[in-house]
Amino acid sequence: MTSTVTTSHPPREREEHSDSAAGCDEDRADVPHEHGAALLQSLLDLRQLLAGEWNADILVVLQAGPRRYTELLEAVRTSTAVDRRTGRCRHAQTRTFVYTLRRMEADGLITRREQESVWPRQVLYSLTPTASQLLSSLTAHLGSPRRATS
């Protein structure tokens, strides 16, 4: 039979013995907390924007220029995603794809433009200036793809 012994110290003893905790606020006094919180929120917002299953594929395809709906769907369907749980390849389903496009449009990443002068109507999707700037920043930060040397 094993027993676990836990000891608890009164809060006063912990405060007296923690020398590093006392100077913690003084050392970080020059870092504005609002800036850190704003940066964290911006990163969380960015993560939320790019969190969709096909978002990255759509952004990369549209980086080359505006595409019609069918061209965009075909381009994304050629790229595959692997389900982490099952290990199977997944392809974009139409319903999920339309939902993703609508959400990206609402988030301000892509624009949807209907060409009514052409019959049948064509829908063109393109990147917003914000999304183009985001992609160029990410591309510059990530650099060119690294190739394996032999």
C-alpha atoms as a PDB file:
ATOM      1  CA  MET A   1       0.000   0.000   0.000  1.00  0.00           C
ATOM      2  CA  THR A   2       1.432   3.353  -1.061  1.00  0.00           C
ATOM      3  CA  SER A   3       0.379   6.649   0.303  1.00  0.00           C
ATOM      4  CA  THR A   4       0.881  10.067  -1.086  1.00  0.00           C
ATOM      5  CA  VAL A   5       1.955  12.827   1.223  1.00  0.00           C
ATOM      6  CA  THR A   6       1.177  16.366   0.229  1.00  0.00           C
ATOM      7  CA  THR A   7       2.390  19.375   2.076  1.00  0.00           C
ATOM      8  CA  SER A   8       0.961  22.799   1.795  1.00  0.00           C
ATOM      9  CA  HIS A   9       2.627  25.947   2.872  1.00  0.00           C
ATOM     10  CA  PRO A  10       0.742  28.996   3.964  1.00  0.00           C
ATOM     11  CA  PRO A  11       0.736  31.749   1.321  1.00  0.00           C
ATOM     12  CA  ARG A  12       2.847  33.986   3.534  1.00  0.00           C
ATOM     13  CA  GLU A  13       5.767  31.491   3.471  1.00  0.00           C
ATOM     14  CA  ARG A  14       5.628  31.242  -0.325  1.00  0.00           C
ATOM     15  CA  GLU A  15       5.807  35.000  -0.689  1.00  0.00           C
ATOM     16  CA  GLU A  16       8.778  35.256   1.637  1.00  0.00           C
ATOM     17  CA  HIS A  17      10.765  32.564  -0.179  1.00  0.00           C
ATOM     18  CA  SER A  18      10.066  33.567  -3.763  1.00  0.00           C
ATOM     19  CA  ASP A  19      12.730  36.114  -4.607  1.00  0.00           C
ATOM     20  CA  SER A  20      12.297  35.856  -8.381  1.00  0.00           C
ATOM     21  CA  ALA A  21       8.558  36.455  -8.289  1.00  0.00           C
ATOM     22  CA  ALA A  22       8.952  39.728  -6.428  1.00  0.00           C
ATOM     23  CA  GLY A  23      11.001  41.341  -9.196  1.00  0.00           C
ATOM     24  CA  CYS A  24       8.952  39.891 -12.027  1.00  0.00           C
ATOM     25  CA  ASP A  25       6.659  42.876 -12.435  1.00  0.00           C
ATOM     26  CA  GLU A  26       9.533  45.329 -12.108  1.00  0.00           C
ATOM     27  CA  ASP A  27      11.511  43.633 -14.905  1.00  0.00           C
ATOM     28  CA  ARG A  28       8.577  43.708 -17.306  1.00  0.00           C
ATOM     29  CA  ALA A  29       7.357  47.192 -16.442  1.00  0.00           C
ATOM     30  CA  ASP A  30       8.652  48.548 -19.775  1.00  0.00           C
ATOM     31  CA  VAL A  31       6.499  46.107 -21.814  1.00  0.00           C
ATOM     32  CA  PRO A  32       3.013  47.542 -22.291  1.00  0.00           C
ATOM     33  CA  HIS A  33       0.413  44.907 -21.500  1.00  0.00           C
ATOM     34  CA  GLU A  34      -2.034  46.360 -24.034  1.00  0.00           C
ATOM     35  CA  HIS A  35       0.400  45.757 -26.898  1.00  0.00           C
ATOM     36  CA  GLY A  36       0.961  42.154 -25.870  1.00  0.00           C
ATOM     37  CA  ALA A  37      -2.761  41.528 -25.532  1.00  0.00           C
ATOM     38  CA  ALA A  38      -3.462  43.162 -28.896  1.00  0.00           C
ATOM     39  CA  LEU A  39      -0.744  41.092 -30.576  1.00  0.00           C
ATOM     40  CA  LEU A  40      -2.074  37.906 -29.016  1.00  0.00           C
ATOM     41  CA  GLN A  41      -5.607  38.735 -30.150  1.00  0.00           C
ATOM     42  CA  SER A  42      -4.354  39.474 -33.671  1.00  0.00           C
ATOM     43  CA  LEU A  43      -2.568  36.131 -33.809  1.00  0.00           C
ATOM     44  CA  LEU A  44      -5.669  34.339 -32.570  1.00  0.00           C
ATOM     45  CA  ASP A  45      -7.768  36.138 -35.193  1.00  0.00           C
ATOM     46  CA  LEU A  46      -5.287  35.128 -37.904  1.00  0.00           C
ATOM     47  CA  ARG A  47      -5.382  31.544 -36.724  1.00  0.00           C
ATOM     48  CA  GLN A  48      -9.180  31.614 -36.844  1.00  0.00           C
ATOM     49  CA  LEU A  49      -9.153  33.026 -40.386  1.00  0.00           C
ATOM     50  CA  LEU A  50      -6.855  30.310 -41.670  1.00  0.00           C
ATOM     51  CA  ALA A  51      -8.344  27.470 -39.614  1.00  0.00           C
ATOM     52  CA  GLY A  52     -10.685  26.105 -42.286  1.00  0.00           C
ATOM     53  CA  GLU A  53      -9.878  22.859 -44.019  1.00  0.00           C
ATOM     54  CA  TRP A  54      -9.624  24.318 -47.535  1.00  0.00           C
ATOM     55  CA  ASN A  55      -8.773  27.955 -46.711  1.00  0.00           C
ATOM     56  CA  ALA A  56      -5.055  27.667 -47.443  1.00  0.00           C
ATOM     57  CA  ASP A  57      -5.704  25.836 -50.723  1.00  0.00           C
ATOM     58  CA  ILE A  58      -8.175  28.496 -51.864  1.00  0.00           C
ATOM     59  CA  LEU A  59      -5.817  31.340 -50.962  1.00  0.00           C
ATOM     60  CA  VAL A  60      -2.903  29.754 -52.838  1.00  0.00           C
ATOM     61  CA  VAL A  61      -5.011  29.095 -55.951  1.00  0.00           C
ATOM     62  CA  LEU A  62      -6.411  32.638 -55.950  1.00  0.00           C
ATOM     63  CA  GLN A  63      -2.949  34.120 -55.493  1.00  0.00           C
ATOM     64  CA  ALA A  64      -2.390  33.422 -59.210  1.00  0.00           C
ATOM     65  CA  GLY A  65      -5.425  35.542 -60.103  1.00  0.00           C
ATOM     66  CA  PRO A  66      -9.230  35.522 -60.195  1.00  0.00           C
ATOM     67  CA  ARG A  67     -10.884  32.192 -60.898  1.00  0.00           C
ATOM     68  CA  ARG A  68     -14.372  31.089 -61.819  1.00  0.00           C
ATOM     69  CA  TYR A  69     -16.143  28.894 -59.294  1.00  0.00           C
ATOM     70  CA  THR A  70     -15.696  25.709 -61.303  1.00  0.00           C
ATOM     71  CA  GLU A  71     -11.993  26.415 -61.951  1.00  0.00           C
ATOM     72  CA  LEU A  72     -11.430  27.080 -58.273  1.00  0.00           C
ATOM     73  CA  LEU A  73     -13.262  23.920 -57.232  1.00  0.00           C
ATOM     74  CA  GLU A  74     -11.298  21.808 -59.734  1.00  0.00           C
ATOM     75  CA  ALA A  75      -7.973  23.268 -58.562  1.00  0.00           C
ATOM     76  CA  VAL A  76      -8.771  22.615 -54.909  1.00  0.00           C
ATOM     77  CA  ARG A  77     -10.072  19.118 -55.630  1.00  0.00           C
ATOM     78  CA  THR A  78      -6.763  18.187 -57.235  1.00  0.00           C
ATOM     79  CA  SER A  79      -5.028  18.942 -53.955  1.00  0.00           C
ATOM     80  CA  THR A  80      -5.721  16.403 -51.258  1.00  0.00           C
ATOM     81  CA  ALA A  81      -5.839  16.648 -47.512  1.00  0.00           C
ATOM     82  CA  VAL A  82      -5.108  13.707 -45.264  1.00  0.00           C
ATOM     83  CA  ASP A  83      -7.499  13.077 -42.413  1.00  0.00           C
ATOM     84  CA  ARG A  84      -5.337  12.899 -39.294  1.00  0.00           C
ATOM     85  CA  ARG A  85      -7.667  10.503 -37.558  1.00  0.00           C
ATOM     86  CA  THR A  86      -8.189   7.925 -40.312  1.00  0.00           C
ATOM     87  CA  GLY A  87      -5.192   8.575 -42.562  1.00  0.00           C
ATOM     88  CA  ARG A  88      -7.430   8.690 -45.650  1.00  0.00           C
ATOM     89  CA  CYS A  89      -7.194  11.284 -48.390  1.00  0.00           C
ATOM     90  CA  ARG A  90     -10.030  13.780 -48.371  1.00  0.00           C
ATOM     91  CA  HIS A  91     -11.272  15.830 -51.277  1.00  0.00           C
ATOM     92  CA  ALA A  92     -13.324  19.014 -51.139  1.00  0.00           C
ATOM     93  CA  GLN A  93     -17.042  18.298 -51.183  1.00  0.00           C
ATOM     94  CA  THR A  94     -19.245  20.873 -52.896  1.00  0.00           C
ATOM     95  CA  ARG A  95     -21.270  21.717 -49.797  1.00  0.00           C
ATOM     96  CA  THR A  96     -18.191  22.212 -47.622  1.00  0.00           C
ATOM     97  CA  PHE A  97     -16.474  24.160 -50.383  1.00  0.00           C
ATOM     98  CA  VAL A  98     -19.397  26.591 -50.783  1.00  0.00           C
ATOM     99  CA  TYR A  99     -19.584  27.061 -47.015  1.00  0.00           C
ATOM    100  CA  THR A 100     -15.833  27.778 -46.897  1.00  0.00           C
ATOM    101  CA  LEU A 101     -16.088  30.325 -49.727  1.00  0.00           C
ATOM    102  CA  ARG A 102     -18.964  32.120 -48.003  1.00  0.00           C
ATOM    103  CA  ARG A 103     -17.107  32.242 -44.720  1.00  0.00           C
ATOM    104  CA  MET A 104     -13.937  33.535 -46.377  1.00  0.00           C
ATOM    105  CA  GLU A 105     -15.970  36.210 -48.145  1.00  0.00           C
ATOM    106  CA  ALA A 106     -17.586  37.241 -44.863  1.00  0.00           C
ATOM    107  CA  ASP A 107     -14.127  37.360 -43.238  1.00  0.00           C
ATOM    108  CA  GLY A 108     -12.874  39.695 -45.965  1.00  0.00           C
ATOM    109  CA  LEU A 109     -10.324  37.323 -47.492  1.00  0.00           C
ATOM    110  CA  ILE A 110     -11.950  36.877 -50.905  1.00  0.00           C
ATOM    111  CA  THR A 111     -14.421  38.750 -53.069  1.00  0.00           C
ATOM    112  CA  ARG A 112     -17.235  37.215 -55.083  1.00  0.00           C
ATOM    113  CA  ARG A 113     -18.249  38.943 -58.286  1.00  0.00           C
ATOM    114  CA  GLU A 114     -21.074  37.840 -60.568  1.00  0.00           C
ATOM    115  CA  GLN A 115     -20.742  38.605 -64.261  1.00  0.00           C
ATOM    116  CA  GLU A 116     -24.319  39.112 -65.361  1.00  0.00           C
ATOM    117  CA  SER A 117     -23.435  40.190 -68.905  1.00  0.00           C
ATOM    118  CA  VAL A 118     -22.309  36.652 -69.738  1.00  0.00           C
ATOM    119  CA  TRP A 119     -24.847  33.850 -70.088  1.00  0.00           C
ATOM    120  CA  PRO A 120     -24.816  31.599 -68.165  1.00  0.00           C
ATOM    121  CA  ARG A 121     -23.785  33.795 -65.286  1.00  0.00           C
ATOM    122  CA  GLN A 122     -20.235  33.334 -64.153  1.00  0.00           C
ATOM    123  CA  VAL A 123     -19.033  33.874 -60.631  1.00  0.00           C
ATOM    124  CA  LEU A 124     -15.451  35.066 -60.198  1.00  0.00           C
ATOM    125  CA  TYR A 125     -13.557  34.805 -56.948  1.00  0.00           C
ATOM    126  CA  SER A 126     -10.458  36.832 -56.187  1.00  0.00           C
ATOM    127  CA  LEU A 127      -8.308  37.807 -53.237  1.00  0.00           C
ATOM    128  CA  THR A 128      -8.958  41.027 -51.380  1.00  0.00           C
ATOM    129  CA  PRO A 129      -6.015  43.422 -50.989  1.00  0.00           C
ATOM    130  CA  THR A 130      -5.817  42.399 -47.333  1.00  0.00           C
ATOM    131  CA  ALA A 131      -5.509  38.718 -48.230  1.00  0.00           C
ATOM    132  CA  SER A 132      -2.897  39.506 -50.896  1.00  0.00           C
ATOM    133  CA  GLN A 133      -0.856  41.443 -48.363  1.00  0.00           C
ATOM    134  CA  LEU A 134      -1.235  38.624 -45.821  1.00  0.00           C
ATOM    135  CA  LEU A 135      -0.041  36.038 -48.332  1.00  0.00           C
ATOM    136  CA  SER A 136       2.932  38.134 -49.421  1.00  0.00           C
ATOM    137  CA  SER A 137       3.917  38.659 -45.766  1.00  0.00           C
ATOM    138  CA  LEU A 138       3.616  34.951 -45.011  1.00  0.00           C
ATOM    139  CA  THR A 139       5.556  34.052 -48.156  1.00  0.00           C
ATOM    140  CA  ALA A 140       8.339  36.474 -47.241  1.00  0.00           C
ATOM    141  CA  HIS A 141       8.426  35.170 -43.685  1.00  0.00           C
ATOM    142  CA  LEU A 142       8.428  31.498 -44.646  1.00  0.00           C
ATOM    143  CA  GLY A 143      10.831  31.973 -47.543  1.00  0.00           C
ATOM    144  CA  SER A 144      11.122  29.707 -50.512  1.00  0.00           C
ATOM    145  CA  PRO A 145      10.487  26.008 -50.022  1.00  0.00           C
ATOM    146  CA  ARG A 146      13.566  24.154 -48.888  1.00  0.00           C
ATOM    147  CA  ARG A 147      14.784  21.349 -51.097  1.00  0.00           C
ATOM    148  CA  ALA A 148      16.469  18.261 -49.820  1.00  0.00           C
ATOM    149  CA  THR A 149      20.109  18.086 -50.816  1.00  0.00           C
ATOM    150  CA  SER A 150      21.595  14.766 -51.766  1.00  0.00           C
END
